[in-house]
Amino acid sequence: MAVPKRKSSAARRDKRRSNVWKLKAPCLSKCSQCGELKMPHRVCGNCGFYKGKEVVKKEA
Protein backbone atom coordinates (compact mmCIF):
# COMPACT_ATOMS: atom_id res chain seq x y z
CA MET A 1 0.00 0.00 0.00
CA ALA A 2 1.27 3.50 -0.82
CA VAL A 3 2.31 5.50 2.22
CA PRO A 4 3.34 9.18 2.08
CA LYS A 5 7.06 9.67 2.69
CA ARG A 6 6.51 13.07 4.35
CA LYS A 7 3.61 14.74 6.14
CA SER A 8 1.71 17.06 3.81
CA SER A 9 1.47 20.53 5.31
CA ALA A 10 -1.82 22.15 6.34
CA ALA A 11 -1.41 24.80 3.63
CA ARG A 12 -0.99 22.15 0.94
CA ARG A 13 -3.95 20.17 2.27
CA ASP A 14 -6.20 23.25 2.51
CA LYS A 15 -5.15 24.43 -0.96
CA ARG A 16 -6.36 21.13 -2.36
CA ARG A 17 -9.68 21.33 -0.50
CA SER A 18 -10.48 24.93 -1.39
CA ASN A 19 -12.84 25.81 -4.22
CA VAL A 20 -11.23 29.14 -5.08
CA TRP A 21 -9.29 27.84 -8.09
CA LYS A 22 -12.33 26.41 -9.89
CA LEU A 23 -13.52 28.50 -12.84
CA LYS A 24 -17.17 29.51 -13.18
CA ALA A 25 -19.04 29.97 -16.42
CA PRO A 26 -19.78 33.65 -17.13
CA CYS A 27 -23.33 34.83 -16.46
CA LEU A 28 -25.01 36.07 -19.61
CA SER A 29 -28.28 37.93 -20.10
CA LYS A 30 -30.24 38.81 -23.22
CA CYS A 31 -30.22 42.36 -24.53
CA SER A 32 -33.70 43.91 -24.31
CA GLN A 33 -33.30 45.57 -27.74
CA CYS A 34 -31.61 43.06 -30.04
CA GLY A 35 -31.73 39.81 -28.02
CA GLU A 36 -27.96 39.28 -28.23
CA LEU A 37 -26.28 37.65 -25.22
CA LYS A 38 -24.26 40.12 -23.13
CA MET A 39 -22.71 40.43 -19.69
CA PRO A 40 -25.16 41.83 -17.10
CA HIS A 41 -24.83 45.55 -16.23
CA ARG A 42 -22.84 46.22 -19.40
CA VAL A 43 -23.62 48.07 -22.63
CA CYS A 44 -24.62 45.70 -25.43
CA GLY A 45 -21.75 45.36 -27.88
CA ASN A 46 -24.10 44.62 -30.74
CA CYS A 47 -26.58 47.54 -30.57
CA GLY A 48 -25.06 49.93 -27.98
CA PHE A 49 -28.13 50.05 -25.71
CA TYR A 50 -28.15 49.90 -21.89
CA LYS A 51 -31.37 49.83 -19.82
CA GLY A 52 -33.44 50.75 -22.90
CA LYS A 53 -31.40 53.85 -23.76
CA GLU A 54 -28.85 54.24 -26.56
CA VAL A 55 -25.51 54.86 -24.88
CA VAL A 56 -23.10 54.13 -27.74
CA LYS A 57 -23.87 55.14 -31.31
CA LYS A 58 -23.61 52.13 -33.65
CA GLU A 59 -23.63 52.50 -37.41
CA ALA A 60 -25.83 49.99 -39.23
PDB file of N, CA and C in Angstrom:
ATOM      1  N   MET A   1       0.839  -1.188   0.000  1.00  0.00           N
ATOM      2  CA  MET A   1       0.000   0.000   0.000  1.00  0.00           C
ATOM      3  C   MET A   1       0.882   1.250   0.000  1.00  0.00           C
ATOM      4  N   ALA A   2       0.484   2.269  -0.742  1.00  0.00           N
ATOM      5  CA  ALA A   2       1.267   3.497  -0.825  1.00  0.00           C
ATOM      6  C   ALA A   2       1.126   4.308   0.460  1.00  0.00           C
ATOM      7  N   VAL A   3       2.280   4.701   0.997  1.00  0.00           N
ATOM      8  CA  VAL A   3       2.312   5.497   2.223  1.00  0.00           C
ATOM      9  C   VAL A   3       3.102   6.763   1.933  1.00  0.00           C
ATOM     10  N   PRO A   4       2.596   7.954   2.334  1.00  0.00           N
ATOM     11  CA  PRO A   4       3.344   9.176   2.080  1.00  0.00           C
ATOM     12  C   PRO A   4       4.691   9.179   2.797  1.00  0.00           C
ATOM     13  N   LYS A   5       5.729   9.633   2.104  1.00  0.00           N
ATOM     14  CA  LYS A   5       7.064   9.667   2.693  1.00  0.00           C
ATOM     15  C   LYS A   5       7.182  10.796   3.718  1.00  0.00           C
ATOM     16  N   ARG A   6       6.503  11.934   3.431  1.00  0.00           N
ATOM     17  CA  ARG A   6       6.506  13.075   4.351  1.00  0.00           C
ATOM     18  C   ARG A   6       5.076  13.521   4.631  1.00  0.00           C
ATOM     19  N   LYS A   7       4.919  14.179   5.772  1.00  0.00           N
ATOM     20  CA  LYS A   7       3.611  14.736   6.138  1.00  0.00           C
ATOM     21  C   LYS A   7       3.287  15.901   5.210  1.00  0.00           C
ATOM     22  N   SER A   8       2.093  15.921   4.639  1.00  0.00           N
ATOM     23  CA  SER A   8       1.707  17.058   3.814  1.00  0.00           C
ATOM     24  C   SER A   8       1.244  18.184   4.729  1.00  0.00           C
ATOM     25  N   SER A   9       1.725  19.389   4.436  1.00  0.00           N
ATOM     26  CA  SER A   9       1.465  20.534   5.306  1.00  0.00           C
ATOM     27  C   SER A   9      -0.003  20.932   5.257  1.00  0.00           C
ATOM     28  N   ALA A  10      -0.424  21.696   6.266  1.00  0.00           N
ATOM     29  CA  ALA A  10      -1.816  22.151   6.339  1.00  0.00           C
ATOM     30  C   ALA A  10      -2.143  23.059   5.160  1.00  0.00           C
ATOM     31  N   ALA A  11      -1.187  23.901   4.761  1.00  0.00           N
ATOM     32  CA  ALA A  11      -1.412  24.803   3.632  1.00  0.00           C
ATOM     33  C   ALA A  11      -1.646  24.012   2.350  1.00  0.00           C
ATOM     34  N   ARG A  12      -0.847  22.980   2.140  1.00  0.00           N
ATOM     35  CA  ARG A  12      -0.990  22.147   0.942  1.00  0.00           C
ATOM     36  C   ARG A  12      -2.327  21.412   0.958  1.00  0.00           C
ATOM     37  N   ARG A  13      -2.688  20.883   2.120  1.00  0.00           N
ATOM     38  CA  ARG A  13      -3.950  20.169   2.268  1.00  0.00           C
ATOM     39  C   ARG A  13      -5.133  21.112   2.041  1.00  0.00           C
ATOM     40  N   ASP A  14      -5.091  22.302   2.636  1.00  0.00           N
ATOM     41  CA  ASP A  14      -6.197  23.253   2.512  1.00  0.00           C
ATOM     42  C   ASP A  14      -6.307  23.812   1.102  1.00  0.00           C
ATOM     43  N   LYS A  15      -5.153  23.966   0.424  1.00  0.00           N
ATOM     44  CA  LYS A  15      -5.152  24.434  -0.957  1.00  0.00           C
ATOM     45  C   LYS A  15      -5.897  23.448  -1.847  1.00  0.00           C
ATOM     46  N   ARG A  16      -5.692  22.171  -1.584  1.00  0.00           N
ATOM     47  CA  ARG A  16      -6.355  21.128  -2.363  1.00  0.00           C
ATOM     48  C   ARG A  16      -7.853  21.124  -2.102  1.00  0.00           C
ATOM     49  N   ARG A  17      -8.263  21.389  -0.877  1.00  0.00           N
ATOM     50  CA  ARG A  17      -9.676  21.327  -0.501  1.00  0.00           C
ATOM     51  C   ARG A  17     -10.469  22.568  -0.876  1.00  0.00           C
ATOM     52  N   SER A  18      -9.779  23.681  -1.126  1.00  0.00           N
ATOM     53  CA  SER A  18     -10.483  24.933  -1.391  1.00  0.00           C
ATOM     54  C   SER A  18     -11.131  24.905  -2.778  1.00  0.00           C
ATOM     55  N   ASN A  19     -12.142  25.721  -2.942  1.00  0.00           N
ATOM     56  CA  ASN A  19     -12.845  25.807  -4.221  1.00  0.00           C
ATOM     57  C   ASN A  19     -12.521  27.093  -4.956  1.00  0.00           C
ATOM     58  N   VAL A  20     -11.546  27.845  -4.498  1.00  0.00           N
ATOM     59  CA  VAL A  20     -11.225  29.143  -5.081  1.00  0.00           C
ATOM     60  C   VAL A  20     -10.710  29.020  -6.507  1.00  0.00           C
ATOM     61  N   TRP A  21      -9.951  27.969  -6.792  1.00  0.00           N
ATOM     62  CA  TRP A  21      -9.292  27.837  -8.088  1.00  0.00           C
ATOM     63  C   TRP A  21     -10.213  27.373  -9.202  1.00  0.00           C
ATOM     64  N   LYS A  22     -11.421  26.910  -8.863  1.00  0.00           N
ATOM     65  CA  LYS A  22     -12.328  26.409  -9.893  1.00  0.00           C
ATOM     66  C   LYS A  22     -12.948  27.568 -10.674  1.00  0.00           C
ATOM     67  N   LEU A  23     -12.967  27.463 -11.984  1.00  0.00           N
ATOM     68  CA  LEU A  23     -13.525  28.505 -12.840  1.00  0.00           C
ATOM     69  C   LEU A  23     -15.031  28.358 -12.941  1.00  0.00           C
ATOM     70  N   LYS A  24     -15.706  29.497 -13.020  1.00  0.00           N
ATOM     71  CA  LYS A  24     -17.165  29.509 -13.181  1.00  0.00           C
ATOM     72  C   LYS A  24     -17.506  30.000 -14.576  1.00  0.00           C
ATOM     73  N   ALA A  25     -18.587  29.503 -15.120  1.00  0.00           N
ATOM     74  CA  ALA A  25     -19.042  29.967 -16.424  1.00  0.00           C
ATOM     75  C   ALA A  25     -19.572  31.393 -16.280  1.00  0.00           C
ATOM     76  N   PRO A  26     -19.301  32.277 -17.255  1.00  0.00           N
ATOM     77  CA  PRO A  26     -19.776  33.655 -17.132  1.00  0.00           C
ATOM     78  C   PRO A  26     -21.295  33.730 -17.221  1.00  0.00           C
ATOM     79  N   CYS A  27     -21.885  34.614 -16.412  1.00  0.00           N
ATOM     80  CA  CYS A  27     -23.330  34.833 -16.456  1.00  0.00           C
ATOM     81  C   CYS A  27     -23.633  35.696 -17.676  1.00  0.00           C
ATOM     82  N   LEU A  28     -24.609  35.312 -18.435  1.00  0.00           N
ATOM     83  CA  LEU A  28     -25.007  36.074 -19.610  1.00  0.00           C
ATOM     84  C   LEU A  28     -26.495  36.375 -19.540  1.00  0.00           C
ATOM     85  N   SER A  29     -26.870  37.558 -20.030  1.00  0.00           N
ATOM     86  CA  SER A  29     -28.280  37.929 -20.099  1.00  0.00           C
ATOM     87  C   SER A  29     -28.574  38.429 -21.507  1.00  0.00           C
ATOM     88  N   LYS A  30     -29.849  38.371 -21.887  1.00  0.00           N
ATOM     89  CA  LYS A  30     -30.242  38.811 -23.220  1.00  0.00           C
ATOM     90  C   LYS A  30     -30.425  40.318 -23.247  1.00  0.00           C
ATOM     91  N   CYS A  31     -30.015  40.929 -24.324  1.00  0.00           N
ATOM     92  CA  CYS A  31     -30.218  42.362 -24.528  1.00  0.00           C
ATOM     93  C   CYS A  31     -31.707  42.595 -24.792  1.00  0.00           C
ATOM     94  N   SER A  32     -32.264  43.634 -24.156  1.00  0.00           N
ATOM     95  CA  SER A  32     -33.700  43.910 -24.314  1.00  0.00           C
ATOM     96  C   SER A  32     -34.029  44.427 -25.715  1.00  0.00           C
ATOM     97  N   GLN A  33     -33.053  45.007 -26.413  1.00  0.00           N
ATOM     98  CA  GLN A  33     -33.300  45.567 -27.740  1.00  0.00           C
ATOM     99  C   GLN A  33     -33.118  44.535 -28.850  1.00  0.00           C
ATOM    100  N   CYS A  34     -31.915  43.932 -28.903  1.00  0.00           N
ATOM    101  CA  CYS A  34     -31.608  43.062 -30.043  1.00  0.00           C
ATOM    102  C   CYS A  34     -31.641  41.567 -29.703  1.00  0.00           C
ATOM    103  N   GLY A  35     -31.672  41.213 -28.412  1.00  0.00           N
ATOM    104  CA  GLY A  35     -31.734  39.810 -28.021  1.00  0.00           C
ATOM    105  C   GLY A  35     -30.394  39.106 -28.001  1.00  0.00           C
ATOM    106  N   GLU A  36     -29.317  39.836 -28.252  1.00  0.00           N
ATOM    107  CA  GLU A  36     -27.960  39.277 -28.226  1.00  0.00           C
ATOM    108  C   GLU A  36     -27.554  38.996 -26.777  1.00  0.00           C
ATOM    109  N   LEU A  37     -26.765  37.939 -26.564  1.00  0.00           N
ATOM    110  CA  LEU A  37     -26.280  37.648 -25.220  1.00  0.00           C
ATOM    111  C   LEU A  37     -25.173  38.635 -24.844  1.00  0.00           C
ATOM    112  N   LYS A  38     -25.241  39.150 -23.605  1.00  0.00           N
ATOM    113  CA  LYS A  38     -24.257  40.118 -23.133  1.00  0.00           C
ATOM    114  C   LYS A  38     -24.037  39.916 -21.648  1.00  0.00           C
ATOM    115  N   MET A  39     -22.967  40.485 -21.115  1.00  0.00           N
ATOM    116  CA  MET A  39     -22.706  40.430 -19.688  1.00  0.00           C
ATOM    117  C   MET A  39     -23.700  41.347 -18.983  1.00  0.00           C
ATOM    118  N   PRO A  40     -24.202  40.964 -17.801  1.00  0.00           N
ATOM    119  CA  PRO A  40     -25.156  41.827 -17.103  1.00  0.00           C
ATOM    120  C   PRO A  40     -24.503  43.136 -16.650  1.00  0.00           C
ATOM    121  N   HIS A  41     -25.281  44.211 -16.633  1.00  0.00           N
ATOM    122  CA  HIS A  41     -24.833  45.550 -16.227  1.00  0.00           C
ATOM    123  C   HIS A  41     -23.747  46.088 -17.150  1.00  0.00           C
ATOM    124  N   ARG A  42     -23.787  45.716 -18.412  1.00  0.00           N
ATOM    125  CA  ARG A  42     -22.836  46.218 -19.400  1.00  0.00           C
ATOM    126  C   ARG A  42     -23.621  46.703 -20.624  1.00  0.00           C
ATOM    127  N   VAL A  43     -23.024  47.613 -21.378  1.00  0.00           N
ATOM    128  CA  VAL A  43     -23.621  48.070 -22.627  1.00  0.00           C
ATOM    129  C   VAL A  43     -23.545  46.930 -23.633  1.00  0.00           C
ATOM    130  N   CYS A  44     -24.597  46.744 -24.405  1.00  0.00           N
ATOM    131  CA  CYS A  44     -24.617  45.697 -25.428  1.00  0.00           C
ATOM    132  C   CYS A  44     -23.619  46.058 -26.525  1.00  0.00           C
ATOM    133  N   GLY A  45     -22.749  45.124 -26.845  1.00  0.00           N
ATOM    134  CA  GLY A  45     -21.749  45.359 -27.875  1.00  0.00           C
ATOM    135  C   GLY A  45     -22.325  45.338 -29.276  1.00  0.00           C
ATOM    136  N   ASN A  46     -23.497  44.745 -29.428  1.00  0.00           N
ATOM    137  CA  ASN A  46     -24.104  44.622 -30.745  1.00  0.00           C
ATOM    138  C   ASN A  46     -24.872  45.885 -31.139  1.00  0.00           C
ATOM    139  N   CYS A  47     -25.731  46.392 -30.215  1.00  0.00           N
ATOM    140  CA  CYS A  47     -26.581  47.536 -30.572  1.00  0.00           C
ATOM    141  C   CYS A  47     -26.234  48.815 -29.812  1.00  0.00           C
ATOM    142  N   GLY A  48     -25.471  48.737 -28.717  1.00  0.00           N
ATOM    143  CA  GLY A  48     -25.063  49.933 -27.980  1.00  0.00           C
ATOM    144  C   GLY A  48     -26.088  50.441 -26.985  1.00  0.00           C
ATOM    145  N   PHE A  49     -27.097  49.627 -26.662  1.00  0.00           N
ATOM    146  CA  PHE A  49     -28.132  50.049 -25.710  1.00  0.00           C
ATOM    147  C   PHE A  49     -27.819  49.537 -24.314  1.00  0.00           C
ATOM    148  N   TYR A  50     -28.244  50.311 -23.299  1.00  0.00           N
ATOM    149  CA  TYR A  50     -28.147  49.898 -21.895  1.00  0.00           C
ATOM    150  C   TYR A  50     -29.382  50.412 -21.170  1.00  0.00           C
ATOM    151  N   LYS A  51     -30.121  49.518 -20.541  1.00  0.00           N
ATOM    152  CA  LYS A  51     -31.371  49.835 -19.821  1.00  0.00           C
ATOM    153  C   LYS A  51     -32.365  50.580 -20.717  1.00  0.00           C
ATOM    154  N   GLY A  52     -32.463  50.175 -21.976  1.00  0.00           N
ATOM    155  CA  GLY A  52     -33.437  50.749 -22.897  1.00  0.00           C
ATOM    156  C   GLY A  52     -33.035  52.073 -23.510  1.00  0.00           C
ATOM    157  N   LYS A  53     -31.866  52.591 -23.192  1.00  0.00           N
ATOM    158  CA  LYS A  53     -31.402  53.851 -23.757  1.00  0.00           C
ATOM    159  C   LYS A  53     -30.163  53.610 -24.602  1.00  0.00           C
ATOM    160  N   GLU A  54     -30.038  54.382 -25.706  1.00  0.00           N
ATOM    161  CA  GLU A  54     -28.852  54.240 -26.560  1.00  0.00           C
ATOM    162  C   GLU A  54     -27.689  54.992 -25.920  1.00  0.00           C
ATOM    163  N   VAL A  55     -26.667  54.272 -25.543  1.00  0.00           N
ATOM    164  CA  VAL A  55     -25.506  54.858 -24.876  1.00  0.00           C
ATOM    165  C   VAL A  55     -24.368  55.043 -25.864  1.00  0.00           C
ATOM    166  N   VAL A  56     -24.166  54.087 -26.745  1.00  0.00           N
ATOM    167  CA  VAL A  56     -23.100  54.135 -27.735  1.00  0.00           C
ATOM    168  C   VAL A  56     -23.745  54.127 -29.120  1.00  0.00           C
ATOM    169  N   LYS A  57     -23.346  55.083 -29.961  1.00  0.00           N
ATOM    170  CA  LYS A  57     -23.871  55.136 -31.312  1.00  0.00           C
ATOM    171  C   LYS A  57     -23.242  54.028 -32.145  1.00  0.00           C
ATOM    172  N   LYS A  58     -24.080  53.199 -32.770  1.00  0.00           N
ATOM    173  CA  LYS A  58     -23.614  52.126 -33.648  1.00  0.00           C
ATOM    174  C   LYS A  58     -24.124  52.409 -35.059  1.00  0.00           C
ATOM    175  N   GLU A  59     -23.225  52.306 -36.028  1.00  0.00           N
ATOM    176  CA  GLU A  59     -23.634  52.501 -37.414  1.00  0.00           C
ATOM    177  C   GLU A  59     -24.114  51.175 -37.989  1.00  0.00           C
ATOM    178  N   ALA A  60     -25.222  51.211 -38.701  1.00  0.00           N
ATOM    179  CA  ALA A  60     -25.827  49.991 -39.235  1.00  0.00           C
ATOM    180  C   ALA A  60     -25.154  49.516 -40.485  1.00  0.00           C
TER     181      ALA A  60
END
